[in-house]
Amino acid sequence: MAINTYPQSGRIAEWHAAIDAAADLGVDALIVADIGLLAYARNRHPDLNLHMSVQGSATNHEAVEFCRREFGIRRAVIPRVLTLSQVEQLIRHTEVEIEVFGFGSLCVMNEGRCWLSSHATGESPNTHGACSPAPWVRWEEDD
């Protein structure tokens, strides 16, 4: 189960409930972006298999190793912004399983977070389910 979103102020109980539900359902793994949620999951459900989401923007082995030490992650999904040699370097310096996230299409993003889409549309892609929704995209031809 993926929880690729960040808790909104005053609403963290909803994210905690999602983590609790995932644990109660016996998911194989929980993919989490927010380190506060990783901490909650680790403390509340210590046997839960935790993965760092691509939305967590771990782009170096130090970030991956921090999440392994602090939260016990077993896999990190890294964003496509790294070169193959950087991915190789990262893999050499961690025992965490690495998965590279390859986007299916071009999106307006900032290192794995959808802040730019959110700014452009006024809606959070993570909580409304669509990046740069079609009503907000305009194509204009000029010379």
C-alpha atoms as a PDB file:
ATOM      1  CA  MET A   1       0.000   0.000   0.000  1.00  0.00           C
ATOM      2  CA  ALA A   2       1.347   3.396  -0.925  1.00  0.00           C
ATOM      3  CA  ILE A   3       0.885   6.492   1.209  1.00  0.00           C
ATOM      4  CA  ASN A   4       2.640   8.942  -1.109  1.00  0.00           C
ATOM      5  CA  THR A   5       1.112  12.014   0.452  1.00  0.00           C
ATOM      6  CA  TYR A   6       2.087  14.396   3.221  1.00  0.00           C
ATOM      7  CA  PRO A   7      -0.189  14.956   6.220  1.00  0.00           C
ATOM      8  CA  GLN A   8      -1.937  18.281   6.208  1.00  0.00           C
ATOM      9  CA  SER A   9      -1.912  20.433   9.313  1.00  0.00           C
ATOM     10  CA  GLY A  10      -4.632  19.421  11.732  1.00  0.00           C
ATOM     11  CA  ARG A  11      -5.438  16.238   9.802  1.00  0.00           C
ATOM     12  CA  ILE A  12      -2.591  13.868  10.738  1.00  0.00           C
ATOM     13  CA  ALA A  13      -5.030  11.442  12.396  1.00  0.00           C
ATOM     14  CA  GLU A  14      -6.321  10.528   8.911  1.00  0.00           C
ATOM     15  CA  TRP A  15      -2.832   9.469   7.804  1.00  0.00           C
ATOM     16  CA  HIS A  16      -2.254   7.567  11.052  1.00  0.00           C
ATOM     17  CA  ALA A  17      -5.573   5.767  10.506  1.00  0.00           C
ATOM     18  CA  ALA A  18      -4.453   4.781   6.991  1.00  0.00           C
ATOM     19  CA  ILE A  19      -1.231   3.310   8.387  1.00  0.00           C
ATOM     20  CA  ASP A  20      -3.141   1.455  11.092  1.00  0.00           C
ATOM     21  CA  ALA A  21      -5.581   0.095   8.500  1.00  0.00           C
ATOM     22  CA  ALA A  22      -2.714  -1.086   6.283  1.00  0.00           C
ATOM     23  CA  ALA A  23      -1.166  -2.926   9.228  1.00  0.00           C
ATOM     24  CA  ASP A  24      -4.541  -4.426  10.214  1.00  0.00           C
ATOM     25  CA  LEU A  25      -5.057  -5.632   6.638  1.00  0.00           C
ATOM     26  CA  GLY A  26      -1.650  -7.313   6.644  1.00  0.00           C
ATOM     27  CA  VAL A  27      -0.188  -5.524   3.631  1.00  0.00           C
ATOM     28  CA  ASP A  28       3.067  -6.920   2.266  1.00  0.00           C
ATOM     29  CA  ALA A  29       4.697  -3.501   2.489  1.00  0.00           C
ATOM     30  CA  LEU A  30       3.820   0.097   3.207  1.00  0.00           C
ATOM     31  CA  ILE A  31       5.360   2.701   0.905  1.00  0.00           C
ATOM     32  CA  VAL A  32       5.619   6.022   2.748  1.00  0.00           C
ATOM     33  CA  ALA A  33       6.880   9.477   1.727  1.00  0.00           C
ATOM     34  CA  ASP A  34       6.789  11.490   4.961  1.00  0.00           C
ATOM     35  CA  ILE A  35       9.429  10.744   7.610  1.00  0.00           C
ATOM     36  CA  GLY A  36       6.989  11.630  10.380  1.00  0.00           C
ATOM     37  CA  LEU A  37       4.681   8.910   9.075  1.00  0.00           C
ATOM     38  CA  LEU A  38       7.624   6.512   8.796  1.00  0.00           C
ATOM     39  CA  ALA A  39       8.362   7.204  12.469  1.00  0.00           C
ATOM     40  CA  TYR A  40       4.720   6.612  13.411  1.00  0.00           C
ATOM     41  CA  ALA A  41       4.572   3.363  11.437  1.00  0.00           C
ATOM     42  CA  ARG A  42       7.851   2.111  12.901  1.00  0.00           C
ATOM     43  CA  ASN A  43       6.809   2.906  16.491  1.00  0.00           C
ATOM     44  CA  ARG A  44       3.197   1.726  16.234  1.00  0.00           C
ATOM     45  CA  HIS A  45       3.745  -1.308  13.971  1.00  0.00           C
ATOM     46  CA  PRO A  46       7.394  -2.388  14.359  1.00  0.00           C
ATOM     47  CA  ASP A  47       6.977  -5.514  12.196  1.00  0.00           C
ATOM     48  CA  LEU A  48       5.541  -3.614   9.225  1.00  0.00           C
ATOM     49  CA  ASN A  49       7.695  -3.819   6.088  1.00  0.00           C
ATOM     50  CA  LEU A  50       8.430  -0.143   5.305  1.00  0.00           C
ATOM     51  CA  HIS A  51       9.576   1.306   1.986  1.00  0.00           C
ATOM     52  CA  MET A  52      10.603   4.913   1.267  1.00  0.00           C
ATOM     53  CA  SER A  53       8.363   6.343  -1.457  1.00  0.00           C
ATOM     54  CA  VAL A  54       9.683   8.135  -4.525  1.00  0.00           C
ATOM     55  CA  GLN A  55       7.831  11.150  -3.122  1.00  0.00           C
ATOM     56  CA  GLY A  56      10.334  11.106  -0.243  1.00  0.00           C
ATOM     57  CA  SER A  57      12.999  12.253  -2.722  1.00  0.00           C
ATOM     58  CA  ALA A  58      15.869  10.113  -1.450  1.00  0.00           C
ATOM     59  CA  THR A  59      18.567  10.871  -4.035  1.00  0.00           C
ATOM     60  CA  ASN A  60      21.714   9.797  -2.183  1.00  0.00           C
ATOM     61  CA  HIS A  61      22.876   6.941   0.016  1.00  0.00           C
ATOM     62  CA  GLU A  62      23.011   9.159   3.093  1.00  0.00           C
ATOM     63  CA  ALA A  63      19.261   9.809   2.871  1.00  0.00           C
ATOM     64  CA  VAL A  64      18.540   6.128   2.273  1.00  0.00           C
ATOM     65  CA  GLU A  65      20.794   5.040   5.128  1.00  0.00           C
ATOM     66  CA  PHE A  66      19.201   7.588   7.474  1.00  0.00           C
ATOM     67  CA  CYS A  67      15.776   6.086   6.769  1.00  0.00           C
ATOM     68  CA  ARG A  68      17.153   2.562   7.231  1.00  0.00           C
ATOM     69  CA  ARG A  69      18.741   3.412  10.597  1.00  0.00           C
ATOM     70  CA  GLU A  70      15.877   5.500  11.945  1.00  0.00           C
ATOM     71  CA  PHE A  71      12.835   3.736  10.489  1.00  0.00           C
ATOM     72  CA  GLY A  72      14.034   0.329   9.318  1.00  0.00           C
ATOM     73  CA  ILE A  73      13.100   0.782   5.668  1.00  0.00           C
ATOM     74  CA  ARG A  74      13.880  -2.233   3.496  1.00  0.00           C
ATOM     75  CA  ARG A  75      13.446  -0.597   0.095  1.00  0.00           C
ATOM     76  CA  ALA A  76      13.797   2.922  -1.258  1.00  0.00           C
ATOM     77  CA  VAL A  77      12.133   4.016  -4.458  1.00  0.00           C
ATOM     78  CA  ILE A  78      14.350   6.695  -5.963  1.00  0.00           C
ATOM     79  CA  PRO A  79      13.286   9.292  -8.534  1.00  0.00           C
ATOM     80  CA  ARG A  80      14.361   9.408 -12.148  1.00  0.00           C
ATOM     81  CA  VAL A  81      16.501  12.522 -11.647  1.00  0.00           C
ATOM     82  CA  LEU A  82      19.621  10.424 -11.036  1.00  0.00           C
ATOM     83  CA  THR A  83      22.004   9.257 -13.747  1.00  0.00           C
ATOM     84  CA  LEU A  84      22.755   5.544 -14.043  1.00  0.00           C
ATOM     85  CA  SER A  85      26.184   6.094 -12.492  1.00  0.00           C
ATOM     86  CA  GLN A  86      24.591   7.915  -9.540  1.00  0.00           C
ATOM     87  CA  VAL A  87      22.144   5.037  -9.074  1.00  0.00           C
ATOM     88  CA  GLU A  88      25.056   2.595  -9.164  1.00  0.00           C
ATOM     89  CA  GLN A  89      26.928   4.676  -6.560  1.00  0.00           C
ATOM     90  CA  LEU A  90      23.888   4.782  -4.310  1.00  0.00           C
ATOM     91  CA  ILE A  91      23.408   1.012  -4.547  1.00  0.00           C
ATOM     92  CA  ARG A  92      27.062   0.374  -3.641  1.00  0.00           C
ATOM     93  CA  HIS A  93      26.715   2.321  -0.390  1.00  0.00           C
ATOM     94  CA  THR A  94      23.545   0.877   1.108  1.00  0.00           C
ATOM     95  CA  GLU A  95      22.125  -2.498   1.990  1.00  0.00           C
ATOM     96  CA  VAL A  96      18.616  -1.182   1.316  1.00  0.00           C
ATOM     97  CA  GLU A  97      16.971  -2.596  -1.797  1.00  0.00           C
ATOM     98  CA  ILE A  98      16.748   0.120  -4.452  1.00  0.00           C
ATOM     99  CA  GLU A  99      13.954   0.576  -6.974  1.00  0.00           C
ATOM    100  CA  VAL A 100      14.083   3.329  -9.597  1.00  0.00           C
ATOM    101  CA  PHE A 101      10.782   5.026 -10.346  1.00  0.00           C
ATOM    102  CA  GLY A 102      10.350   5.659 -14.068  1.00  0.00           C
ATOM    103  CA  PHE A 103       7.558   8.077 -14.806  1.00  0.00           C
ATOM    104  CA  GLY A 104       5.210   7.091 -17.618  1.00  0.00           C
ATOM    105  CA  SER A 105       4.847  10.643 -18.844  1.00  0.00           C
ATOM    106  CA  LEU A 106       6.274  14.092 -18.299  1.00  0.00           C
ATOM    107  CA  CYS A 107       4.915  15.875 -15.270  1.00  0.00           C
ATOM    108  CA  VAL A 108       5.512  19.193 -13.594  1.00  0.00           C
ATOM    109  CA  MET A 109       7.435  18.161 -10.496  1.00  0.00           C
ATOM    110  CA  ASN A 110      10.122  19.183  -8.062  1.00  0.00           C
ATOM    111  CA  GLU A 111      12.342  16.229  -7.094  1.00  0.00           C
ATOM    112  CA  GLY A 112       9.454  13.805  -6.650  1.00  0.00           C
ATOM    113  CA  ARG A 113       7.058  16.233  -5.038  1.00  0.00           C
ATOM    114  CA  CYS A 114       4.171  17.714  -6.948  1.00  0.00           C
ATOM    115  CA  TRP A 115       4.448  21.226  -5.557  1.00  0.00           C
ATOM    116  CA  LEU A 116       4.587  22.933  -8.941  1.00  0.00           C
ATOM    117  CA  SER A 117       1.425  21.221 -10.161  1.00  0.00           C
ATOM    118  CA  SER A 118      -0.259  22.181  -6.912  1.00  0.00           C
ATOM    119  CA  HIS A 119       0.797  25.810  -7.306  1.00  0.00           C
ATOM    120  CA  ALA A 120      -0.336  25.962 -10.936  1.00  0.00           C
ATOM    121  CA  THR A 121      -3.739  24.374 -10.321  1.00  0.00           C
ATOM    122  CA  GLY A 122      -4.609  25.340  -6.768  1.00  0.00           C
ATOM    123  CA  GLU A 123      -5.293  21.658  -6.070  1.00  0.00           C
ATOM    124  CA  SER A 124      -2.985  19.122  -4.499  1.00  0.00           C
ATOM    125  CA  PRO A 125      -2.253  16.343  -6.996  1.00  0.00           C
ATOM    126  CA  ASN A 126      -1.731  14.005  -4.045  1.00  0.00           C
ATOM    127  CA  THR A 127      -5.141  14.603  -2.514  1.00  0.00           C
ATOM    128  CA  HIS A 128      -7.155  15.230  -5.687  1.00  0.00           C
ATOM    129  CA  GLY A 129      -5.682  12.335  -7.656  1.00  0.00           C
ATOM    130  CA  ALA A 130      -4.424  14.056 -10.797  1.00  0.00           C
ATOM    131  CA  CYS A 131      -1.233  15.884 -11.660  1.00  0.00           C
ATOM    132  CA  SER A 132      -1.818  19.079 -13.605  1.00  0.00           C
ATOM    133  CA  PRO A 133      -5.477  18.224 -14.282  1.00  0.00           C
ATOM    134  CA  ALA A 134      -6.571  18.722 -17.860  1.00  0.00           C
ATOM    135  CA  PRO A 135      -8.750  21.814 -17.148  1.00  0.00           C
ATOM    136  CA  TRP A 136      -5.546  23.613 -16.145  1.00  0.00           C
ATOM    137  CA  VAL A 137      -3.441  22.684 -19.179  1.00  0.00           C
ATOM    138  CA  ARG A 138      -3.530  25.057 -22.163  1.00  0.00           C
ATOM    139  CA  TRP A 139      -1.668  24.732 -25.438  1.00  0.00           C
ATOM    140  CA  GLU A 140      -1.139  27.921 -27.379  1.00  0.00           C
ATOM    141  CA  GLU A 141       0.533  28.283 -30.743  1.00  0.00           C
ATOM    142  CA  ASP A 142       2.592  31.291 -31.662  1.00  0.00           C
ATOM    143  CA  ASP A 143       5.424  32.214 -33.960  1.00  0.00           C
END
